Amino acid sequence: MDVKEARLTHEVAMLSRQLNLSHQDPADRFIAATAVHYNLVLATVDHRLIGFNWLATIQ
């Protein structure tokens, strides 16, 4: 598995406010938006970020 670093940009910050998440945790929003923006698979065990069809995750 390749590991990549992704920068937090203005575009990512703006996208974080548009995501369909049931909570307002800014860290979760930035993490999810970064993965979506860069088309990355997010490695997480956070149950609040798993199960969305618009966010690719692995546990």
PDB file of N, CA and C in Angstrom:
ATOM      1  N   MET A   1       0.851  -1.174   0.000  1.00  0.00           N
ATOM      2  CA  MET A   1       0.000   0.000   0.000  1.00  0.00           C
ATOM      3  C   MET A   1       0.896   1.235   0.000  1.00  0.00           C
ATOM      4  N   ASP A   2       0.632   2.161  -0.915  1.00  0.00           N
ATOM      5  CA  ASP A   2       1.345   3.425  -0.949  1.00  0.00           C
ATOM      6  C   ASP A   2       0.766   4.363   0.098  1.00  0.00           C
ATOM      7  N   VAL A   3       1.643   5.086   0.767  1.00  0.00           N
ATOM      8  CA  VAL A   3       1.227   6.105   1.726  1.00  0.00           C
ATOM      9  C   VAL A   3       1.553   7.449   1.106  1.00  0.00           C
ATOM     10  N   LYS A   4       0.597   8.363   1.117  1.00  0.00           N
ATOM     11  CA  LYS A   4       0.787   9.680   0.521  1.00  0.00           C
ATOM     12  C   LYS A   4       0.453  10.755   1.539  1.00  0.00           C
ATOM     13  N   GLU A   5       1.166  11.848   1.433  1.00  0.00           N
ATOM     14  CA  GLU A   5       0.871  13.027   2.242  1.00  0.00           C
ATOM     15  C   GLU A   5       0.040  13.965   1.385  1.00  0.00           C
ATOM     16  N   ALA A   6      -1.010  14.525   1.936  1.00  0.00           N
ATOM     17  CA  ALA A   6      -1.878  15.424   1.193  1.00  0.00           C
ATOM     18  C   ALA A   6      -1.993  16.747   1.940  1.00  0.00           C
ATOM     19  N   ARG A   7      -1.785  17.828   1.228  1.00  0.00           N
ATOM     20  CA  ARG A   7      -1.818  19.156   1.834  1.00  0.00           C
ATOM     21  C   ARG A   7      -3.251  19.611   2.102  1.00  0.00           C
ATOM     22  N   LEU A   8      -3.410  20.320   3.196  1.00  0.00           N
ATOM     23  CA  LEU A   8      -4.689  20.953   3.499  1.00  0.00           C
ATOM     24  C   LEU A   8      -4.703  22.297   2.785  1.00  0.00           C
ATOM     25  N   THR A   9      -5.548  22.409   1.786  1.00  0.00           N
ATOM     26  CA  THR A   9      -5.612  23.617   0.964  1.00  0.00           C
ATOM     27  C   THR A   9      -6.937  24.341   1.201  1.00  0.00           C
ATOM     28  N   HIS A  10      -7.035  25.513   0.606  1.00  0.00           N
ATOM     29  CA  HIS A  10      -8.288  26.272   0.675  1.00  0.00           C
ATOM     30  C   HIS A  10      -9.433  25.452   0.076  1.00  0.00           C
ATOM     31  N   GLU A  11      -9.158  24.769  -1.035  1.00  0.00           N
ATOM     32  CA  GLU A  11     -10.187  23.966  -1.692  1.00  0.00           C
ATOM     33  C   GLU A  11     -10.672  22.837  -0.787  1.00  0.00           C
ATOM     34  N   VAL A  12      -9.741  22.196  -0.082  1.00  0.00           N
ATOM     35  CA  VAL A  12     -10.100  21.122   0.845  1.00  0.00           C
ATOM     36  C   VAL A  12     -10.941  21.688   1.989  1.00  0.00           C
ATOM     37  N   ALA A  13     -10.531  22.836   2.514  1.00  0.00           N
ATOM     38  CA  ALA A  13     -11.284  23.460   3.616  1.00  0.00           C
ATOM     39  C   ALA A  13     -12.710  23.797   3.191  1.00  0.00           C
ATOM     40  N   MET A  14     -12.864  24.324   1.992  1.00  0.00           N
ATOM     41  CA  MET A  14     -14.207  24.661   1.508  1.00  0.00           C
ATOM     42  C   MET A  14     -15.037  23.391   1.277  1.00  0.00           C
ATOM     43  N   LEU A  15     -14.418  22.354   0.724  1.00  0.00           N
ATOM     44  CA  LEU A  15     -15.112  21.087   0.510  1.00  0.00           C
ATOM     45  C   LEU A  15     -15.555  20.474   1.836  1.00  0.00           C
ATOM     46  N   SER A  16     -14.779  20.652   2.877  1.00  0.00           N
ATOM     47  CA  SER A  16     -15.112  20.054   4.175  1.00  0.00           C
ATOM     48  C   SER A  16     -16.470  20.520   4.702  1.00  0.00           C
ATOM     49  N   ARG A  17     -16.890  21.710   4.314  1.00  0.00           N
ATOM     50  CA  ARG A  17     -18.179  22.235   4.765  1.00  0.00           C
ATOM     51  C   ARG A  17     -19.335  21.720   3.920  1.00  0.00           C
ATOM     52  N   GLN A  18     -19.040  21.095   2.776  1.00  0.00           N
ATOM     53  CA  GLN A  18     -20.079  20.617   1.869  1.00  0.00           C
ATOM     54  C   GLN A  18     -20.363  19.125   2.020  1.00  0.00           C
ATOM     55  N   LEU A  19     -19.576  18.439   2.820  1.00  0.00           N
ATOM     56  CA  LEU A  19     -19.725  16.992   2.957  1.00  0.00           C
ATOM     57  C   LEU A  19     -20.989  16.622   3.714  1.00  0.00           C
ATOM     58  N   ASN A  20     -21.567  15.512   3.355  1.00  0.00           N
ATOM     59  CA  ASN A  20     -22.769  15.003   4.003  1.00  0.00           C
ATOM     60  C   ASN A  20     -22.367  14.123   5.198  1.00  0.00           C
ATOM     61  N   LEU A  21     -21.955  14.771   6.279  1.00  0.00           N
ATOM     62  CA  LEU A  21     -21.629  14.068   7.527  1.00  0.00           C
ATOM     63  C   LEU A  21     -22.664  14.449   8.577  1.00  0.00           C
ATOM     64  N   SER A  22     -22.963  13.532   9.462  1.00  0.00           N
ATOM     65  CA  SER A  22     -23.996  13.777  10.468  1.00  0.00           C
ATOM     66  C   SER A  22     -23.478  14.562  11.664  1.00  0.00           C
ATOM     67  N   HIS A  23     -22.193  14.874  11.665  1.00  0.00           N
ATOM     68  CA  HIS A  23     -21.612  15.621  12.781  1.00  0.00           C
ATOM     69  C   HIS A  23     -20.756  16.763  12.238  1.00  0.00           C
ATOM     70  N   GLN A  24     -20.357  17.660  13.116  1.00  0.00           N
ATOM     71  CA  GLN A  24     -19.635  18.864  12.703  1.00  0.00           C
ATOM     72  C   GLN A  24     -18.174  18.876  13.145  1.00  0.00           C
ATOM     73  N   ASP A  25     -17.607  17.727  13.506  1.00  0.00           N
ATOM     74  CA  ASP A  25     -16.216  17.672  13.957  1.00  0.00           C
ATOM     75  C   ASP A  25     -15.301  18.162  12.829  1.00  0.00           C
ATOM     76  N   PRO A  26     -14.618  19.311  13.024  1.00  0.00           N
ATOM     77  CA  PRO A  26     -13.812  19.859  11.940  1.00  0.00           C
ATOM     78  C   PRO A  26     -12.648  18.949  11.527  1.00  0.00           C
ATOM     79  N   ALA A  27     -12.062  18.233  12.444  1.00  0.00           N
ATOM     80  CA  ALA A  27     -10.955  17.335  12.099  1.00  0.00           C
ATOM     81  C   ALA A  27     -11.443  16.223  11.178  1.00  0.00           C
ATOM     82  N   ASP A  28     -12.563  15.599  11.508  1.00  0.00           N
ATOM     83  CA  ASP A  28     -13.130  14.559  10.651  1.00  0.00           C
ATOM     84  C   ASP A  28     -13.474  15.121   9.277  1.00  0.00           C
ATOM     85  N   ARG A  29     -14.017  16.317   9.253  1.00  0.00           N
ATOM     86  CA  ARG A  29     -14.386  16.940   7.987  1.00  0.00           C
ATOM     87  C   ARG A  29     -13.154  17.219   7.124  1.00  0.00           C
ATOM     88  N   PHE A  30     -12.085  17.717   7.721  1.00  0.00           N
ATOM     89  CA  PHE A  30     -10.849  17.967   6.969  1.00  0.00           C
ATOM     90  C   PHE A  30     -10.253  16.660   6.447  1.00  0.00           C
ATOM     91  N   ILE A  31     -10.261  15.639   7.279  1.00  0.00           N
ATOM     92  CA  ILE A  31      -9.713  14.340   6.872  1.00  0.00           C
ATOM     93  C   ILE A  31     -10.506  13.768   5.698  1.00  0.00           C
ATOM     94  N   ALA A  32     -11.817  13.762   5.813  1.00  0.00           N
ATOM     95  CA  ALA A  32     -12.660  13.219   4.744  1.00  0.00           C
ATOM     96  C   ALA A  32     -12.543  14.059   3.470  1.00  0.00           C
ATOM     97  N   ALA A  33     -12.570  15.366   3.605  1.00  0.00           N
ATOM     98  CA  ALA A  33     -12.474  16.239   2.440  1.00  0.00           C
ATOM     99  C   ALA A  33     -11.133  16.083   1.740  1.00  0.00           C
ATOM    100  N   THR A  34     -10.076  15.889   2.488  1.00  0.00           N
ATOM    101  CA  THR A  34      -8.755  15.684   1.893  1.00  0.00           C
ATOM    102  C   THR A  34      -8.749  14.412   1.056  1.00  0.00           C
ATOM    103  N   ALA A  35      -9.305  13.346   1.599  1.00  0.00           N
ATOM    104  CA  ALA A  35      -9.365  12.081   0.863  1.00  0.00           C
ATOM    105  C   ALA A  35     -10.190  12.228  -0.405  1.00  0.00           C
ATOM    106  N   VAL A  36     -11.319  12.894  -0.318  1.00  0.00           N
ATOM    107  CA  VAL A  36     -12.184  13.082  -1.485  1.00  0.00           C
ATOM    108  C   VAL A  36     -11.482  13.959  -2.532  1.00  0.00           C
ATOM    109  N   HIS A  37     -10.925  15.070  -2.095  1.00  0.00           N
ATOM    110  CA  HIS A  37     -10.293  16.021  -3.017  1.00  0.00           C
ATOM    111  C   HIS A  37      -9.147  15.387  -3.802  1.00  0.00           C
ATOM    112  N   TYR A  38      -8.324  14.613  -3.128  1.00  0.00           N
ATOM    113  CA  TYR A  38      -7.171  13.990  -3.769  1.00  0.00           C
ATOM    114  C   TYR A  38      -7.468  12.587  -4.308  1.00  0.00           C
ATOM    115  N   ASN A  39      -8.737  12.163  -4.195  1.00  0.00           N
ATOM    116  CA  ASN A  39      -9.157  10.838  -4.663  1.00  0.00           C
ATOM    117  C   ASN A  39      -8.320   9.726  -4.017  1.00  0.00           C
ATOM    118  N   LEU A  40      -8.237   9.764  -2.699  1.00  0.00           N
ATOM    119  CA  LEU A  40      -7.452   8.804  -1.927  1.00  0.00           C
ATOM    120  C   LEU A  40      -8.366   7.853  -1.160  1.00  0.00           C
ATOM    121  N   VAL A  41      -7.834   6.711  -0.784  1.00  0.00           N
ATOM    122  CA  VAL A  41      -8.530   5.790   0.112  1.00  0.00           C
ATOM    123  C   VAL A  41      -8.082   6.120   1.522  1.00  0.00           C
ATOM    124  N   LEU A  42      -9.040   6.358   2.403  1.00  0.00           N
ATOM    125  CA  LEU A  42      -8.758   6.742   3.784  1.00  0.00           C
ATOM    126  C   LEU A  42      -8.657   5.499   4.662  1.00  0.00           C
ATOM    127  N   ALA A  43      -7.532   5.338   5.343  1.00  0.00           N
ATOM    128  CA  ALA A  43      -7.365   4.246   6.310  1.00  0.00           C
ATOM    129  C   ALA A  43      -7.848   4.746   7.664  1.00  0.00           C
ATOM    130  N   THR A  44      -8.942   4.171   8.155  1.00  0.00           N
ATOM    131  CA  THR A  44      -9.529   4.633   9.414  1.00  0.00           C
ATOM    132  C   THR A  44     -10.351   3.529  10.070  1.00  0.00           C
ATOM    133  N   VAL A  45     -10.483   3.627  11.372  1.00  0.00           N
ATOM    134  CA  VAL A  45     -11.409   2.772  12.114  1.00  0.00           C
ATOM    135  C   VAL A  45     -12.502   3.630  12.762  1.00  0.00           C
ATOM    136  N   ASP A  46     -12.522   4.907  12.420  1.00  0.00           N
ATOM    137  CA  ASP A  46     -13.516   5.838  12.959  1.00  0.00           C
ATOM    138  C   ASP A  46     -14.884   5.501  12.369  1.00  0.00           C
ATOM    139  N   HIS A  47     -15.781   4.994  13.201  1.00  0.00           N
ATOM    140  CA  HIS A  47     -17.104   4.569  12.722  1.00  0.00           C
ATOM    141  C   HIS A  47     -17.899   5.719  12.102  1.00  0.00           C
ATOM    142  N   ARG A  48     -17.547   6.958  12.427  1.00  0.00           N
ATOM    143  CA  ARG A  48     -18.270   8.097  11.861  1.00  0.00           C
ATOM    144  C   ARG A  48     -17.809   8.440  10.441  1.00  0.00           C
ATOM    145  N   LEU A  49     -16.742   7.777   9.967  1.00  0.00           N
ATOM    146  CA  LEU A  49     -16.233   8.029   8.619  1.00  0.00           C
ATOM    147  C   LEU A  49     -16.316   6.807   7.710  1.00  0.00           C
ATOM    148  N   ILE A  50     -16.937   5.754   8.177  1.00  0.00           N
ATOM    149  CA  ILE A  50     -17.027   4.511   7.407  1.00  0.00           C
ATOM    150  C   ILE A  50     -18.456   4.332   6.892  1.00  0.00           C
ATOM    151  N   GLY A  51     -18.571   3.833   5.670  1.00  0.00           N
ATOM    152  CA  GLY A  51     -19.887   3.465   5.148  1.00  0.00           C
ATOM    153  C   GLY A  51     -20.509   4.459   4.196  1.00  0.00           C
ATOM    154  N   PHE A  52     -19.773   5.481   3.795  1.00  0.00           N
ATOM    155  CA  PHE A  52     -20.305   6.444   2.829  1.00  0.00           C
ATOM    156  C   PHE A  52     -19.906   6.019   1.423  1.00  0.00           C
ATOM    157  N   ASN A  53     -20.825   6.133   0.477  1.00  0.00           N
ATOM    158  CA  ASN A  53     -20.494   5.751  -0.895  1.00  0.00           C
ATOM    159  C   ASN A  53     -19.583   6.770  -1.571  1.00  0.00           C
ATOM    160  N   TRP A  54     -19.455   7.958  -1.016  1.00  0.00           N
ATOM    161  CA  TRP A  54     -18.607   8.999  -1.599  1.00  0.00           C
ATOM    162  C   TRP A  54     -17.216   9.065  -0.960  1.00  0.00           C
ATOM    163  N   LEU A  55     -16.939   8.202   0.032  1.00  0.00           N
ATOM    164  CA  LEU A  55     -15.650   8.212   0.722  1.00  0.00           C
ATOM    165  C   LEU A  55     -15.104   6.797   0.772  1.00  0.00           C
ATOM    166  N   ALA A  56     -14.018   6.569   0.022  1.00  0.00           N
ATOM    167  CA  ALA A  56     -13.381   5.245   0.003  1.00  0.00           C
ATOM    168  C   ALA A  56     -12.557   5.058   1.281  1.00  0.00           C
ATOM    169  N   THR A  57     -12.827   3.969   2.016  1.00  0.00           N
ATOM    170  CA  THR A  57     -12.102   3.700   3.264  1.00  0.00           C
ATOM    171  C   THR A  57     -11.649   2.246   3.329  1.00  0.00           C
ATOM    172  N   ILE A  58     -10.606   2.036   4.097  1.00  0.00           N
ATOM    173  CA  ILE A  58     -10.189   0.700   4.496  1.00  0.00           C
ATOM    174  C   ILE A  58      -9.960   0.742   5.993  1.00  0.00           C
ATOM    175  N   GLN A  59     -10.166  -0.396   6.630  1.00  0.00           N
ATOM    176  CA  GLN A  59      -9.984  -0.455   8.086  1.00  0.00           C
ATOM    177  C   GLN A  59      -8.696  -1.179   8.438  1.00  0.00           C
TER     178      GLN A  59
END
